[in-house]
């Protein structure tokens, strides 16, 4: 991608923000894409817990509660860190119209990378966690641990990938958005 393409795309996004009124996203709007991103994890944790429950069988009642508490705590922590990783991009994307999102090079790059990284995370998680779920009583927590590590890797990979597009124009855009000054120079 050429610098001129990035500049045109930034100009396109700035024009959209400058010329049109947009709704400032609320917490629910910002969290919704994160929830969608993590849906495979929710299903994997549910299936592995049910499998572990019936295959290994809890020997005592407190083990059932331990499963529930471990899964709930693990999912809360992963959701929290994913919220930190995706907060700013989601906030910006929710301010843009569907037209801009579909035509913007950087927006399309963001969507493509997040889908690609999610597929990679699901495959790696399945490779690591399925054998552990079958072999051990506490294997159902393997999905949580693998996703916990991969959320950090996901954040680093996105930052590394998009840092190459941090031209002075994008840095100015970020400053304008943070300062609430969306007037184009």
C-alpha atoms as a PDB file:
ATOM      1  CA  UNK A   1       0.000   0.000   0.000  1.00  0.00           C
ATOM      2  CA  UNK A   2       1.367   3.397  -0.949  1.00  0.00           C
ATOM      3  CA  UNK A   3       1.578   6.389   1.338  1.00  0.00           C
ATOM      4  CA  UNK A   4      -0.666   8.330  -1.050  1.00  0.00           C
ATOM      5  CA  UNK A   5      -3.343   5.616  -0.744  1.00  0.00           C
ATOM      6  CA  UNK A   6      -3.201   5.874   3.044  1.00  0.00           C
ATOM      7  CA  UNK A   7      -3.435   9.672   2.829  1.00  0.00           C
ATOM      8  CA  UNK A   8      -6.486   9.463   0.544  1.00  0.00           C
ATOM      9  CA  UNK A   9      -8.119   6.961   2.863  1.00  0.00           C
ATOM     10  CA  UNK A  10      -7.456   9.157   5.904  1.00  0.00           C
ATOM     11  CA  UNK A  11      -8.861  12.137   4.004  1.00  0.00           C
ATOM     12  CA  UNK A  12     -11.940  10.097   3.140  1.00  0.00           C
ATOM     13  CA  UNK A  13     -12.441   9.133   6.798  1.00  0.00           C
ATOM     14  CA  UNK A  14     -11.830  12.697   8.005  1.00  0.00           C
ATOM     15  CA  UNK A  15     -14.312  14.088   5.474  1.00  0.00           C
ATOM     16  CA  UNK A  16     -16.917  11.636   6.733  1.00  0.00           C
ATOM     17  CA  UNK A  17     -16.332  12.643  10.342  1.00  0.00           C
ATOM     18  CA  UNK A  18     -16.242  16.340   9.504  1.00  0.00           C
ATOM     19  CA  UNK A  19     -19.258  16.542   7.220  1.00  0.00           C
ATOM     20  CA  UNK A  20     -21.690  14.116   8.827  1.00  0.00           C
ATOM     21  CA  UNK A  21     -23.110  13.895  12.277  1.00  0.00           C
ATOM     22  CA  UNK A  22     -22.307  10.645  14.025  1.00  0.00           C
ATOM     23  CA  UNK A  23     -23.428   8.980  17.180  1.00  0.00           C
ATOM     24  CA  UNK A  24     -20.842   8.616  19.916  1.00  0.00           C
ATOM     25  CA  UNK A  25     -20.748   4.897  20.684  1.00  0.00           C
ATOM     26  CA  UNK A  26     -21.797   3.691  24.099  1.00  0.00           C
ATOM     27  CA  UNK A  27     -20.275   0.822  26.060  1.00  0.00           C
ATOM     28  CA  UNK A  28     -22.684  -1.730  24.627  1.00  0.00           C
ATOM     29  CA  UNK A  29     -21.875  -0.689  21.072  1.00  0.00           C
ATOM     30  CA  UNK A  30     -18.143  -0.886  21.692  1.00  0.00           C
ATOM     31  CA  UNK A  31     -18.417  -4.252  23.448  1.00  0.00           C
ATOM     32  CA  UNK A  32     -20.693  -5.902  20.867  1.00  0.00           C
ATOM     33  CA  UNK A  33     -17.926  -6.588  18.279  1.00  0.00           C
ATOM     34  CA  UNK A  34     -15.718  -7.974  21.047  1.00  0.00           C
ATOM     35  CA  UNK A  35     -18.500 -10.320  22.115  1.00  0.00           C
ATOM     36  CA  UNK A  36     -18.886 -11.482  18.507  1.00  0.00           C
ATOM     37  CA  UNK A  37     -15.131 -11.993  18.213  1.00  0.00           C
ATOM     38  CA  UNK A  38     -15.103 -14.194  21.318  1.00  0.00           C
ATOM     39  CA  UNK A  39     -18.148 -16.355  20.450  1.00  0.00           C
ATOM     40  CA  UNK A  40     -15.977 -19.319  19.373  1.00  0.00           C
ATOM     41  CA  UNK A  41     -14.308 -19.218  22.779  1.00  0.00           C
ATOM     42  CA  UNK A  42     -17.659 -19.255  24.572  1.00  0.00           C
ATOM     43  CA  UNK A  43     -18.731 -22.330  22.606  1.00  0.00           C
ATOM     44  CA  UNK A  44     -15.404 -24.111  23.130  1.00  0.00           C
ATOM     45  CA  UNK A  45     -15.523 -23.502  26.878  1.00  0.00           C
ATOM     46  CA  UNK A  46     -19.129 -24.698  27.079  1.00  0.00           C
ATOM     47  CA  UNK A  47     -18.513 -27.849  25.035  1.00  0.00           C
ATOM     48  CA  UNK A  48     -15.266 -28.708  26.844  1.00  0.00           C
ATOM     49  CA  UNK A  49     -16.901 -28.202  30.244  1.00  0.00           C
ATOM     50  CA  UNK A  50     -19.879 -30.394  29.383  1.00  0.00           C
ATOM     51  CA  UNK A  51     -17.557 -33.022  27.896  1.00  0.00           C
ATOM     52  CA  UNK A  52     -15.275 -32.906  30.932  1.00  0.00           C
ATOM     53  CA  UNK A  53     -18.263 -33.141  33.254  1.00  0.00           C
ATOM     54  CA  UNK A  54     -19.653 -36.270  31.598  1.00  0.00           C
ATOM     55  CA  UNK A  55     -16.385 -37.901  30.525  1.00  0.00           C
ATOM     56  CA  UNK A  56     -14.305 -37.357  33.642  1.00  0.00           C
ATOM     57  CA  UNK A  57     -17.278 -36.917  35.930  1.00  0.00           C
ATOM     58  CA  UNK A  58     -17.100 -34.679  38.964  1.00  0.00           C
ATOM     59  CA  UNK A  59     -16.500 -36.815  41.980  1.00  0.00           C
ATOM     60  CA  UNK A  60     -17.753 -34.194  44.387  1.00  0.00           C
ATOM     61  CA  UNK A  61     -20.196 -31.296  44.250  1.00  0.00           C
ATOM     62  CA  UNK A  62     -17.507 -28.683  44.851  1.00  0.00           C
ATOM     63  CA  UNK A  63     -15.864 -29.662  41.540  1.00  0.00           C
ATOM     64  CA  UNK A  64     -18.969 -28.523  39.666  1.00  0.00           C
ATOM     65  CA  UNK A  65     -18.762 -25.149  41.372  1.00  0.00           C
ATOM     66  CA  UNK A  66     -15.045 -24.990  40.639  1.00  0.00           C
ATOM     67  CA  UNK A  67     -15.802 -25.507  36.940  1.00  0.00           C
ATOM     68  CA  UNK A  68     -18.361 -22.717  36.954  1.00  0.00           C
ATOM     69  CA  UNK A  69     -16.131 -20.315  38.898  1.00  0.00           C
ATOM     70  CA  UNK A  70     -13.010 -21.055  36.814  1.00  0.00           C
ATOM     71  CA  UNK A  71     -14.855 -20.638  33.545  1.00  0.00           C
ATOM     72  CA  UNK A  72     -16.631 -17.468  34.638  1.00  0.00           C
ATOM     73  CA  UNK A  73     -13.485 -15.855  36.026  1.00  0.00           C
ATOM     74  CA  UNK A  74     -11.444 -16.861  32.990  1.00  0.00           C
ATOM     75  CA  UNK A  75     -14.021 -15.505  30.557  1.00  0.00           C
ATOM     76  CA  UNK A  76     -14.274 -12.236  32.491  1.00  0.00           C
ATOM     77  CA  UNK A  77     -10.492 -11.751  32.407  1.00  0.00           C
ATOM     78  CA  UNK A  78     -10.271 -12.551  28.685  1.00  0.00           C
ATOM     79  CA  UNK A  79     -13.197 -10.204  27.937  1.00  0.00           C
ATOM     80  CA  UNK A  80     -11.515  -7.443  29.935  1.00  0.00           C
ATOM     81  CA  UNK A  81      -8.204  -7.747  28.081  1.00  0.00           C
ATOM     82  CA  UNK A  82      -9.932  -8.032  24.713  1.00  0.00           C
ATOM     83  CA  UNK A  83     -11.874  -4.871  25.561  1.00  0.00           C
ATOM     84  CA  UNK A  84      -8.568  -3.081  26.212  1.00  0.00           C
ATOM     85  CA  UNK A  85      -7.083  -4.314  22.924  1.00  0.00           C
ATOM     86  CA  UNK A  86     -10.091  -3.405  20.759  1.00  0.00           C
ATOM     87  CA  UNK A  87     -11.540  -0.352  22.528  1.00  0.00           C
ATOM     88  CA  UNK A  88     -10.057   2.451  20.407  1.00  0.00           C
ATOM     89  CA  UNK A  89     -10.471   0.784  17.005  1.00  0.00           C
ATOM     90  CA  UNK A  90     -14.075  -0.179  17.791  1.00  0.00           C
ATOM     91  CA  UNK A  91     -14.816   3.321  19.024  1.00  0.00           C
ATOM     92  CA  UNK A  92     -13.575   4.844  15.761  1.00  0.00           C
ATOM     93  CA  UNK A  93     -15.243   2.262  13.521  1.00  0.00           C
ATOM     94  CA  UNK A  94     -18.614   2.775  15.184  1.00  0.00           C
ATOM     95  CA  UNK A  95     -18.466   6.489  14.351  1.00  0.00           C
ATOM     96  CA  UNK A  96     -18.164   5.751  10.626  1.00  0.00           C
ATOM     97  CA  UNK A  97     -21.016   5.043   8.245  1.00  0.00           C
ATOM     98  CA  UNK A  98     -21.358   1.663   6.567  1.00  0.00           C
ATOM     99  CA  UNK A  99     -20.409   3.259   3.259  1.00  0.00           C
ATOM    100  CA  UNK A 100     -17.084   4.496   4.631  1.00  0.00           C
ATOM    101  CA  UNK A 101     -16.370   1.184   6.343  1.00  0.00           C
ATOM    102  CA  UNK A 102     -16.933  -0.734   3.116  1.00  0.00           C
ATOM    103  CA  UNK A 103     -14.892   1.646   0.950  1.00  0.00           C
ATOM    104  CA  UNK A 104     -12.022   2.470   3.320  1.00  0.00           C
ATOM    105  CA  UNK A 105      -8.801   0.563   2.722  1.00  0.00           C
ATOM    106  CA  UNK A 106      -7.756   0.715   6.374  1.00  0.00           C
ATOM    107  CA  UNK A 107     -11.176  -0.369   7.666  1.00  0.00           C
ATOM    108  CA  UNK A 108     -11.211  -3.327   5.296  1.00  0.00           C
ATOM    109  CA  UNK A 109      -7.656  -4.188   6.340  1.00  0.00           C
ATOM    110  CA  UNK A 110      -8.772  -4.113   9.995  1.00  0.00           C
ATOM    111  CA  UNK A 111     -11.739  -6.419   9.365  1.00  0.00           C
ATOM    112  CA  UNK A 112      -9.663  -8.827   7.271  1.00  0.00           C
ATOM    113  CA  UNK A 113      -6.912  -9.051   9.888  1.00  0.00           C
ATOM    114  CA  UNK A 114      -9.255  -9.530  12.825  1.00  0.00           C
ATOM    115  CA  UNK A 115     -11.077 -12.351  11.011  1.00  0.00           C
ATOM    116  CA  UNK A 116      -7.784 -13.945   9.978  1.00  0.00           C
ATOM    117  CA  UNK A 117      -6.343 -13.723  13.492  1.00  0.00           C
ATOM    118  CA  UNK A 118      -9.544 -15.101  15.015  1.00  0.00           C
ATOM    119  CA  UNK A 119      -9.376 -18.149  12.729  1.00  0.00           C
ATOM    120  CA  UNK A 120      -5.750 -18.671  13.711  1.00  0.00           C
ATOM    121  CA  UNK A 121      -6.656 -18.353  17.396  1.00  0.00           C
ATOM    122  CA  UNK A 122      -9.458 -20.910  17.063  1.00  0.00           C
ATOM    123  CA  UNK A 123      -7.232 -23.433  15.260  1.00  0.00           C
ATOM    124  CA  UNK A 124      -4.353 -23.064  17.720  1.00  0.00           C
ATOM    125  CA  UNK A 125      -6.735 -23.281  20.650  1.00  0.00           C
ATOM    126  CA  UNK A 126      -8.317 -26.462  19.319  1.00  0.00           C
ATOM    127  CA  UNK A 127      -4.935 -28.082  18.654  1.00  0.00           C
ATOM    128  CA  UNK A 128      -3.728 -27.309  22.176  1.00  0.00           C
ATOM    129  CA  UNK A 129      -6.917 -27.735  24.172  1.00  0.00           C
ATOM    130  CA  UNK A 130      -8.787 -30.726  22.751  1.00  0.00           C
ATOM    131  CA  UNK A 131      -6.138 -33.294  23.791  1.00  0.00           C
ATOM    132  CA  UNK A 132      -5.847 -31.708  27.232  1.00  0.00           C
ATOM    133  CA  UNK A 133      -9.625 -31.763  27.680  1.00  0.00           C
ATOM    134  CA  UNK A 134      -9.702 -35.459  26.846  1.00  0.00           C
ATOM    135  CA  UNK A 135      -6.683 -36.432  28.944  1.00  0.00           C
ATOM    136  CA  UNK A 136      -7.111 -34.464  32.163  1.00  0.00           C
ATOM    137  CA  UNK A 137      -9.847 -33.524  34.606  1.00  0.00           C
ATOM    138  CA  UNK A 138      -8.960 -29.837  34.434  1.00  0.00           C
ATOM    139  CA  UNK A 139      -8.516 -29.823  30.659  1.00  0.00           C
ATOM    140  CA  UNK A 140     -11.562 -27.630  30.224  1.00  0.00           C
ATOM    141  CA  UNK A 141      -9.432 -24.705  31.447  1.00  0.00           C
ATOM    142  CA  UNK A 142      -6.979 -25.186  28.554  1.00  0.00           C
ATOM    143  CA  UNK A 143      -9.212 -23.164  26.223  1.00  0.00           C
ATOM    144  CA  UNK A 144      -9.155 -20.290  28.677  1.00  0.00           C
ATOM    145  CA  UNK A 145      -5.372 -20.370  29.094  1.00  0.00           C
ATOM    146  CA  UNK A 146      -4.700 -20.647  25.382  1.00  0.00           C
ATOM    147  CA  UNK A 147      -7.025 -17.741  24.562  1.00  0.00           C
ATOM    148  CA  UNK A 148      -5.622 -15.693  27.429  1.00  0.00           C
ATOM    149  CA  UNK A 149      -2.141 -15.944  25.894  1.00  0.00           C
ATOM    150  CA  UNK A 150      -3.435 -15.447  22.358  1.00  0.00           C
ATOM    151  CA  UNK A 151      -5.337 -12.263  23.248  1.00  0.00           C
ATOM    152  CA  UNK A 152      -2.010 -10.700  24.171  1.00  0.00           C
ATOM    153  CA  UNK A 153      -0.461 -12.042  20.970  1.00  0.00           C
ATOM    154  CA  UNK A 154      -3.462 -10.731  19.014  1.00  0.00           C
ATOM    155  CA  UNK A 155      -2.972  -7.249  20.434  1.00  0.00           C
ATOM    156  CA  UNK A 156       0.736  -7.285  19.643  1.00  0.00           C
ATOM    157  CA  UNK A 157       0.153  -8.581  16.093  1.00  0.00           C
ATOM    158  CA  UNK A 158      -2.452  -5.904  15.375  1.00  0.00           C
ATOM    159  CA  UNK A 159      -0.200  -3.175  16.731  1.00  0.00           C
ATOM    160  CA  UNK A 160       2.765  -4.412  14.708  1.00  0.00           C
ATOM    161  CA  UNK A 161       0.670  -4.783  11.558  1.00  0.00           C
ATOM    162  CA  UNK A 162      -0.916  -1.352  11.782  1.00  0.00           C
ATOM    163  CA  UNK A 163       2.178   0.483  13.012  1.00  0.00           C
ATOM    164  CA  UNK A 164       3.514   0.396   9.456  1.00  0.00           C
ATOM    165  CA  UNK A 165       0.587   2.609   8.422  1.00  0.00           C
ATOM    166  CA  UNK A 166       1.265   5.192  11.136  1.00  0.00           C
ATOM    167  CA  UNK A 167       2.045   8.028   8.793  1.00  0.00           C
ATOM    168  CA  UNK A 168       1.975  11.606  10.084  1.00  0.00           C
ATOM    169  CA  UNK A 169      -1.572  11.879   8.703  1.00  0.00           C
ATOM    170  CA  UNK A 170      -2.846   9.013  10.834  1.00  0.00           C
ATOM    171  CA  UNK A 171      -1.104  10.393  13.907  1.00  0.00           C
ATOM    172  CA  UNK A 172      -2.792  13.765  13.247  1.00  0.00           C
ATOM    173  CA  UNK A 173      -6.145  11.997  12.853  1.00  0.00           C
ATOM    174  CA  UNK A 174      -5.686  10.217  16.179  1.00  0.00           C
ATOM    175  CA  UNK A 175      -4.763  13.503  17.866  1.00  0.00           C
ATOM    176  CA  UNK A 176      -7.798  15.229  16.357  1.00  0.00           C
ATOM    177  CA  UNK A 177     -10.139  12.466  17.448  1.00  0.00           C
ATOM    178  CA  UNK A 178      -8.720  12.396  20.973  1.00  0.00           C
ATOM    179  CA  UNK A 179      -8.872  16.178  21.220  1.00  0.00           C
ATOM    180  CA  UNK A 180     -12.400  16.299  19.830  1.00  0.00           C
ATOM    181  CA  UNK A 181     -11.215  18.532  16.975  1.00  0.00           C
ATOM    182  CA  UNK A 182     -12.296  16.815  13.767  1.00  0.00           C
ATOM    183  CA  UNK A 183     -11.920  19.918  11.579  1.00  0.00           C
ATOM    184  CA  UNK A 184      -9.682  19.113   8.636  1.00  0.00           C
ATOM    185  CA  UNK A 185      -6.743  21.465   8.026  1.00  0.00           C
END
